[in-house]
Amino acid sequence: MNSFIIDCYVKGHKTLIRKLKRLKTTKEVYFNGQYRQDLSLCQVVIFTDWSEDQLDNWLYSTKHIDYIGVAINETI
């Protein structure tokens, strides 16, 4: 299982979490808070069977999701 951090806008994080929860490959997903430096940005953490490329491709192809990037979560 892989864990990733998705940087996204606070405005759309609930939609992102809802769509990620619907995927069969998602084991867990949660809101990880806003950035202090820019309150319009936040992190969503996901545990999934997908690779980083698969997740990034799904995010890119999914409409109505504005995300900034995906990084491997190395804090686990």
PDB file of N, CA and C in Angstrom:
ATOM      1  N   MET A   1       0.847  -1.172   0.000  1.00  0.00           N
ATOM      2  CA  MET A   1       0.000   0.000   0.000  1.00  0.00           C
ATOM      3  C   MET A   1       0.896   1.239   0.000  1.00  0.00           C
ATOM      4  N   ASN A   2       0.445   2.258  -0.703  1.00  0.00           N
ATOM      5  CA  ASN A   2       1.189   3.507  -0.832  1.00  0.00           C
ATOM      6  C   ASN A   2       0.444   4.643  -0.147  1.00  0.00           C
ATOM      7  N   SER A   3       1.189   5.613   0.340  1.00  0.00           N
ATOM      8  CA  SER A   3       0.608   6.790   0.966  1.00  0.00           C
ATOM      9  C   SER A   3       1.133   8.028   0.248  1.00  0.00           C
ATOM     10  N   PHE A   4       0.207   8.933  -0.100  1.00  0.00           N
ATOM     11  CA  PHE A   4       0.563  10.139  -0.832  1.00  0.00           C
ATOM     12  C   PHE A   4      -0.070  11.359  -0.193  1.00  0.00           C
ATOM     13  N   ILE A   5       0.571  12.494  -0.386  1.00  0.00           N
ATOM     14  CA  ILE A   5       0.026  13.782   0.005  1.00  0.00           C
ATOM     15  C   ILE A   5      -0.359  14.510  -1.267  1.00  0.00           C
ATOM     16  N   ILE A   6      -1.594  14.978  -1.312  1.00  0.00           N
ATOM     17  CA  ILE A   6      -2.081  15.744  -2.457  1.00  0.00           C
ATOM     18  C   ILE A   6      -2.218  17.191  -2.004  1.00  0.00           C
ATOM     19  N   ASP A   7      -1.487  18.070  -2.646  1.00  0.00           N
ATOM     20  CA  ASP A   7      -1.630  19.500  -2.390  1.00  0.00           C
ATOM     21  C   ASP A   7      -2.766  20.016  -3.268  1.00  0.00           C
ATOM     22  N   CYS A   8      -3.717  20.699  -2.640  1.00  0.00           N
ATOM     23  CA  CYS A   8      -4.864  21.195  -3.397  1.00  0.00           C
ATOM     24  C   CYS A   8      -5.376  22.488  -2.765  1.00  0.00           C
ATOM     25  N   TYR A   9      -6.391  23.041  -3.376  1.00  0.00           N
ATOM     26  CA  TYR A   9      -7.011  24.258  -2.858  1.00  0.00           C
ATOM     27  C   TYR A   9      -8.065  23.894  -1.824  1.00  0.00           C
ATOM     28  N   VAL A  10      -8.143  24.678  -0.760  1.00  0.00           N
ATOM     29  CA  VAL A  10      -9.117  24.426   0.298  1.00  0.00           C
ATOM     30  C   VAL A  10     -10.530  24.418  -0.274  1.00  0.00           C
ATOM     31  N   LYS A  11     -10.765  25.278  -1.236  1.00  0.00           N
ATOM     32  CA  LYS A  11     -12.091  25.424  -1.836  1.00  0.00           C
ATOM     33  C   LYS A  11     -12.646  24.099  -2.369  1.00  0.00           C
ATOM     34  N   GLY A  12     -11.808  23.215  -2.875  1.00  0.00           N
ATOM     35  CA  GLY A  12     -12.301  21.985  -3.479  1.00  0.00           C
ATOM     36  C   GLY A  12     -11.893  20.708  -2.775  1.00  0.00           C
ATOM     37  N   HIS A  13     -11.357  20.817  -1.564  1.00  0.00           N
ATOM     38  CA  HIS A  13     -10.845  19.605  -0.922  1.00  0.00           C
ATOM     39  C   HIS A  13     -11.946  18.611  -0.548  1.00  0.00           C
ATOM     40  N   LYS A  14     -13.122  19.079  -0.220  1.00  0.00           N
ATOM     41  CA  LYS A  14     -14.213  18.158   0.139  1.00  0.00           C
ATOM     42  C   LYS A  14     -14.653  17.336  -1.066  1.00  0.00           C
ATOM     43  N   THR A  15     -14.708  17.962  -2.227  1.00  0.00           N
ATOM     44  CA  THR A  15     -15.050  17.247  -3.454  1.00  0.00           C
ATOM     45  C   THR A  15     -13.982  16.206  -3.767  1.00  0.00           C
ATOM     46  N   LEU A  16     -12.724  16.578  -3.615  1.00  0.00           N
ATOM     47  CA  LEU A  16     -11.631  15.652  -3.861  1.00  0.00           C
ATOM     48  C   LEU A  16     -11.722  14.447  -2.934  1.00  0.00           C
ATOM     49  N   ILE A  17     -11.921  14.667  -1.663  1.00  0.00           N
ATOM     50  CA  ILE A  17     -12.020  13.568  -0.691  1.00  0.00           C
ATOM     51  C   ILE A  17     -13.197  12.668  -1.018  1.00  0.00           C
ATOM     52  N   ARG A  18     -14.326  13.252  -1.348  1.00  0.00           N
ATOM     53  CA  ARG A  18     -15.514  12.460  -1.689  1.00  0.00           C
ATOM     54  C   ARG A  18     -15.247  11.561  -2.896  1.00  0.00           C
ATOM     55  N   LYS A  19     -14.610  12.107  -3.933  1.00  0.00           N
ATOM     56  CA  LYS A  19     -14.327  11.316  -5.138  1.00  0.00           C
ATOM     57  C   LYS A  19     -13.289  10.233  -4.864  1.00  0.00           C
ATOM     58  N   LEU A  20     -12.302  10.542  -4.040  1.00  0.00           N
ATOM     59  CA  LEU A  20     -11.295   9.534  -3.709  1.00  0.00           C
ATOM     60  C   LEU A  20     -11.882   8.395  -2.888  1.00  0.00           C
ATOM     61  N   LYS A  21     -12.808   8.705  -1.985  1.00  0.00           N
ATOM     62  CA  LYS A  21     -13.445   7.660  -1.167  1.00  0.00           C
ATOM     63  C   LYS A  21     -14.246   6.679  -1.999  1.00  0.00           C
ATOM     64  N   ARG A  22     -14.747   7.106  -3.143  1.00  0.00           N
ATOM     65  CA  ARG A  22     -15.544   6.238  -4.016  1.00  0.00           C
ATOM     66  C   ARG A  22     -14.706   5.205  -4.770  1.00  0.00           C
ATOM     67  N   LEU A  23     -13.399   5.430  -4.844  1.00  0.00           N
ATOM     68  CA  LEU A  23     -12.521   4.524  -5.591  1.00  0.00           C
ATOM     69  C   LEU A  23     -12.270   3.243  -4.797  1.00  0.00           C
ATOM     70  N   LYS A  24     -12.301   2.099  -5.477  1.00  0.00           N
ATOM     71  CA  LYS A  24     -12.054   0.819  -4.818  1.00  0.00           C
ATOM     72  C   LYS A  24     -10.611   0.692  -4.344  1.00  0.00           C
ATOM     73  N   THR A  25      -9.707   1.428  -4.968  1.00  0.00           N
ATOM     74  CA  THR A  25      -8.292   1.338  -4.614  1.00  0.00           C
ATOM     75  C   THR A  25      -7.931   2.178  -3.391  1.00  0.00           C
ATOM     76  N   THR A  26      -8.832   3.032  -2.938  1.00  0.00           N
ATOM     77  CA  THR A  26      -8.580   3.888  -1.776  1.00  0.00           C
ATOM     78  C   THR A  26      -8.856   3.124  -0.491  1.00  0.00           C
ATOM     79  N   LYS A  27      -7.857   3.078   0.367  1.00  0.00           N
ATOM     80  CA  LYS A  27      -8.019   2.426   1.672  1.00  0.00           C
ATOM     81  C   LYS A  27      -8.420   3.431   2.744  1.00  0.00           C
ATOM     82  N   GLU A  28      -7.825   4.628   2.676  1.00  0.00           N
ATOM     83  CA  GLU A  28      -8.149   5.689   3.627  1.00  0.00           C
ATOM     84  C   GLU A  28      -7.777   7.029   3.002  1.00  0.00           C
ATOM     85  N   VAL A  29      -8.563   8.046   3.309  1.00  0.00           N
ATOM     86  CA  VAL A  29      -8.269   9.398   2.837  1.00  0.00           C
ATOM     87  C   VAL A  29      -8.748  10.380   3.905  1.00  0.00           C
ATOM     88  N   TYR A  30      -7.938  11.422   4.139  1.00  0.00           N
ATOM     89  CA  TYR A  30      -8.350  12.406   5.132  1.00  0.00           C
ATOM     90  C   TYR A  30      -7.720  13.769   4.852  1.00  0.00           C
ATOM     91  N   PHE A  31      -8.352  14.799   5.392  1.00  0.00           N
ATOM     92  CA  PHE A  31      -7.898  16.180   5.302  1.00  0.00           C
ATOM     93  C   PHE A  31      -6.776  16.377   6.308  1.00  0.00           C
ATOM     94  N   ASN A  32      -5.655  16.941   5.857  1.00  0.00           N
ATOM     95  CA  ASN A  32      -4.492  17.085   6.723  1.00  0.00           C
ATOM     96  C   ASN A  32      -4.206  18.539   7.096  1.00  0.00           C
ATOM     97  N   GLY A  33      -5.129  19.434   6.802  1.00  0.00           N
ATOM     98  CA  GLY A  33      -4.983  20.815   7.243  1.00  0.00           C
ATOM     99  C   GLY A  33      -4.489  21.781   6.184  1.00  0.00           C
ATOM    100  N   GLN A  34      -4.607  23.063   6.534  1.00  0.00           N
ATOM    101  CA  GLN A  34      -4.197  24.151   5.648  1.00  0.00           C
ATOM    102  C   GLN A  34      -2.731  24.498   5.886  1.00  0.00           C
ATOM    103  N   TYR A  35      -2.135  25.130   4.889  1.00  0.00           N
ATOM    104  CA  TYR A  35      -0.778  25.657   5.035  1.00  0.00           C
ATOM    105  C   TYR A  35      -0.835  26.989   5.776  1.00  0.00           C
ATOM    106  N   ARG A  36       0.090  27.216   6.666  1.00  0.00           N
ATOM    107  CA  ARG A  36       0.154  28.486   7.381  1.00  0.00           C
ATOM    108  C   ARG A  36       0.517  29.631   6.452  1.00  0.00           C
ATOM    109  N   GLN A  37       1.391  29.352   5.486  1.00  0.00           N
ATOM    110  CA  GLN A  37       1.885  30.385   4.602  1.00  0.00           C
ATOM    111  C   GLN A  37       0.818  30.860   3.608  1.00  0.00           C
ATOM    112  N   ASP A  38      -0.103  29.979   3.256  1.00  0.00           N
ATOM    113  CA  ASP A  38      -1.157  30.317   2.291  1.00  0.00           C
ATOM    114  C   ASP A  38      -2.419  29.561   2.681  1.00  0.00           C
ATOM    115  N   LEU A  39      -3.358  30.252   3.287  1.00  0.00           N
ATOM    116  CA  LEU A  39      -4.565  29.609   3.802  1.00  0.00           C
ATOM    117  C   LEU A  39      -5.518  29.115   2.722  1.00  0.00           C
ATOM    118  N   SER A  40      -5.218  29.403   1.464  1.00  0.00           N
ATOM    119  CA  SER A  40      -6.064  28.888   0.380  1.00  0.00           C
ATOM    120  C   SER A  40      -5.609  27.503  -0.071  1.00  0.00           C
ATOM    121  N   LEU A  41      -4.486  27.001   0.471  1.00  0.00           N
ATOM    122  CA  LEU A  41      -3.943  25.700   0.094  1.00  0.00           C
ATOM    123  C   LEU A  41      -3.984  24.737   1.265  1.00  0.00           C
ATOM    124  N   CYS A  42      -4.114  23.449   0.954  1.00  0.00           N
ATOM    125  CA  CYS A  42      -4.175  22.440   2.003  1.00  0.00           C
ATOM    126  C   CYS A  42      -3.601  21.116   1.503  1.00  0.00           C
ATOM    127  N   GLN A  43      -3.589  20.136   2.406  1.00  0.00           N
ATOM    128  CA  GLN A  43      -3.125  18.794   2.081  1.00  0.00           C
ATOM    129  C   GLN A  43      -4.230  17.781   2.326  1.00  0.00           C
ATOM    130  N   VAL A  44      -4.299  16.802   1.428  1.00  0.00           N
ATOM    131  CA  VAL A  44      -5.159  15.640   1.593  1.00  0.00           C
ATOM    132  C   VAL A  44      -4.238  14.428   1.545  1.00  0.00           C
ATOM    133  N   VAL A  45      -4.370  13.525   2.507  1.00  0.00           N
ATOM    134  CA  VAL A  45      -3.537  12.324   2.564  1.00  0.00           C
ATOM    135  C   VAL A  45      -4.386  11.140   2.124  1.00  0.00           C
ATOM    136  N   ILE A  46      -3.796  10.283   1.283  1.00  0.00           N
ATOM    137  CA  ILE A  46      -4.494   9.106   0.789  1.00  0.00           C
ATOM    138  C   ILE A  46      -3.608   7.874   0.926  1.00  0.00           C
ATOM    139  N   PHE A  47      -4.215   6.774   1.353  1.00  0.00           N
ATOM    140  CA  PHE A  47      -3.593   5.456   1.347  1.00  0.00           C
ATOM    141  C   PHE A  47      -4.285   4.670   0.250  1.00  0.00           C
ATOM    142  N   THR A  48      -3.508   4.167  -0.711  1.00  0.00           N
ATOM    143  CA  THR A  48      -4.083   3.554  -1.891  1.00  0.00           C
ATOM    144  C   THR A  48      -3.187   2.453  -2.436  1.00  0.00           C
ATOM    145  N   ASP A  49      -3.762   1.627  -3.303  1.00  0.00           N
ATOM    146  CA  ASP A  49      -3.009   0.593  -4.003  1.00  0.00           C
ATOM    147  C   ASP A  49      -2.339   1.155  -5.251  1.00  0.00           C
ATOM    148  N   TRP A  50      -2.722   2.344  -5.666  1.00  0.00           N
ATOM    149  CA  TRP A  50      -2.176   2.954  -6.875  1.00  0.00           C
ATOM    150  C   TRP A  50      -0.744   3.429  -6.678  1.00  0.00           C
ATOM    151  N   SER A  51      -0.051   3.555  -7.808  1.00  0.00           N
ATOM    152  CA  SER A  51       1.271   4.184  -7.803  1.00  0.00           C
ATOM    153  C   SER A  51       1.082   5.697  -7.892  1.00  0.00           C
ATOM    154  N   GLU A  52       2.167   6.427  -7.727  1.00  0.00           N
ATOM    155  CA  GLU A  52       2.096   7.882  -7.821  1.00  0.00           C
ATOM    156  C   GLU A  52       1.632   8.323  -9.211  1.00  0.00           C
ATOM    157  N   ASP A  53       2.135   7.654 -10.260  1.00  0.00           N
ATOM    158  CA  ASP A  53       1.736   7.994 -11.625  1.00  0.00           C
ATOM    159  C   ASP A  53       0.258   7.731 -11.870  1.00  0.00           C
ATOM    160  N   GLN A  54      -0.250   6.622 -11.371  1.00  0.00           N
ATOM    161  CA  GLN A  54      -1.675   6.310 -11.546  1.00  0.00           C
ATOM    162  C   GLN A  54      -2.550   7.351 -10.858  1.00  0.00           C
ATOM    163  N   LEU A  55      -2.196   7.718  -9.644  1.00  0.00           N
ATOM    164  CA  LEU A  55      -2.966   8.725  -8.906  1.00  0.00           C
ATOM    165  C   LEU A  55      -2.902  10.069  -9.613  1.00  0.00           C
ATOM    166  N   ASP A  56      -1.722  10.470 -10.027  1.00  0.00           N
ATOM    167  CA  ASP A  56      -1.555  11.748 -10.721  1.00  0.00           C
ATOM    168  C   ASP A  56      -2.350  11.770 -12.020  1.00  0.00           C
ATOM    169  N   ASN A  57      -2.338  10.684 -12.770  1.00  0.00           N
ATOM    170  CA  ASN A  57      -3.116  10.607 -14.017  1.00  0.00           C
ATOM    171  C   ASN A  57      -4.613  10.686 -13.745  1.00  0.00           C
ATOM    172  N   TRP A  58      -5.085  10.030 -12.684  1.00  0.00           N
ATOM    173  CA  TRP A  58      -6.510  10.093 -12.346  1.00  0.00           C
ATOM    174  C   TRP A  58      -6.899  11.518 -11.948  1.00  0.00           C
ATOM    175  N   LEU A  59      -6.076  12.159 -11.122  1.00  0.00           N
ATOM    176  CA  LEU A  59      -6.355  13.535 -10.709  1.00  0.00           C
ATOM    177  C   LEU A  59      -6.392  14.473 -11.907  1.00  0.00           C
ATOM    178  N   TYR A  60      -5.458  14.293 -12.825  1.00  0.00           N
ATOM    179  CA  TYR A  60      -5.384  15.151 -14.006  1.00  0.00           C
ATOM    180  C   TYR A  60      -6.597  14.965 -14.909  1.00  0.00           C
ATOM    181  N   SER A  61      -7.075  13.742 -15.027  1.00  0.00           N
ATOM    182  CA  SER A  61      -8.183  13.463 -15.938  1.00  0.00           C
ATOM    183  C   SER A  61      -9.557  13.710 -15.324  1.00  0.00           C
ATOM    184  N   THR A  62      -9.631  13.844 -14.001  1.00  0.00           N
ATOM    185  CA  THR A  62     -10.911  14.059 -13.329  1.00  0.00           C
ATOM    186  C   THR A  62     -11.298  15.524 -13.416  1.00  0.00           C
ATOM    187  N   LYS A  63     -12.495  15.758 -13.884  1.00  0.00           N
ATOM    188  CA  LYS A  63     -12.968  17.134 -14.027  1.00  0.00           C
ATOM    189  C   LYS A  63     -13.345  17.726 -12.670  1.00  0.00           C
ATOM    190  N   HIS A  64     -13.255  19.012 -12.570  1.00  0.00           N
ATOM    191  CA  HIS A  64     -13.668  19.797 -11.402  1.00  0.00           C
ATOM    192  C   HIS A  64     -12.801  19.556 -10.172  1.00  0.00           C
ATOM    193  N   ILE A  65     -11.572  19.079 -10.373  1.00  0.00           N
ATOM    194  CA  ILE A  65     -10.645  18.955  -9.256  1.00  0.00           C
ATOM    195  C   ILE A  65      -9.415  19.777  -9.584  1.00  0.00           C
ATOM    196  N   ASP A  66      -9.192  20.825  -8.796  1.00  0.00           N
ATOM    197  CA  ASP A  66      -7.996  21.653  -8.950  1.00  0.00           C
ATOM    198  C   ASP A  66      -6.994  21.207  -7.898  1.00  0.00           C
ATOM    199  N   TYR A  67      -5.949  20.567  -8.346  1.00  0.00           N
ATOM    200  CA  TYR A  67      -4.913  20.140  -7.424  1.00  0.00           C
ATOM    201  C   TYR A  67      -3.576  20.700  -7.889  1.00  0.00           C
ATOM    202  N   ILE A  68      -2.637  20.768  -7.001  1.00  0.00           N
ATOM    203  CA  ILE A  68      -1.341  21.349  -7.316  1.00  0.00           C
ATOM    204  C   ILE A  68      -0.318  20.257  -7.612  1.00  0.00           C
ATOM    205  N   GLY A  69      -0.316  19.210  -6.827  1.00  0.00           N
ATOM    206  CA  GLY A  69       0.640  18.139  -7.044  1.00  0.00           C
ATOM    207  C   GLY A  69       0.472  16.996  -6.080  1.00  0.00           C
ATOM    208  N   VAL A  70       1.217  15.924  -6.348  1.00  0.00           N
ATOM    209  CA  VAL A  70       1.194  14.717  -5.528  1.00  0.00           C
ATOM    210  C   VAL A  70       2.623  14.416  -5.084  1.00  0.00           C
ATOM    211  N   ALA A  71       2.776  14.041  -3.823  1.00  0.00           N
ATOM    212  CA  ALA A  71       4.084  13.654  -3.298  1.00  0.00           C
ATOM    213  C   ALA A  71       3.933  12.401  -2.457  1.00  0.00           C
ATOM    214  N   ILE A  72       4.982  11.611  -2.412  1.00  0.00           N
ATOM    215  CA  ILE A  72       4.986  10.412  -1.569  1.00  0.00           C
ATOM    216  C   ILE A  72       5.016  10.857  -0.109  1.00  0.00           C
ATOM    217  N   ASN A  73       4.180  10.235   0.691  1.00  0.00           N
ATOM    218  CA  ASN A  73       4.116  10.549   2.120  1.00  0.00           C
ATOM    219  C   ASN A  73       5.178   9.711   2.833  1.00  0.00           C
ATOM    220  N   GLU A  74       6.256  10.328   3.208  1.00  0.00           N
ATOM    221  CA  GLU A  74       7.362   9.610   3.847  1.00  0.00           C
ATOM    222  C   GLU A  74       7.314   9.673   5.360  1.00  0.00           C
ATOM    223  N   THR A  75       6.245  10.218   5.913  1.00  0.00           N
ATOM    224  CA  THR A  75       6.155  10.361   7.362  1.00  0.00           C
ATOM    225  C   THR A  75       5.540   9.136   8.037  1.00  0.00           C
ATOM    226  N   ILE A  76       5.130   8.141   7.258  1.00  0.00           N
ATOM    227  CA  ILE A  76       4.504   6.966   7.862  1.00  0.00           C
ATOM    228  C   ILE A  76       5.526   5.921   8.200  1.00  0.00           C
TER     229      ILE A  76
END
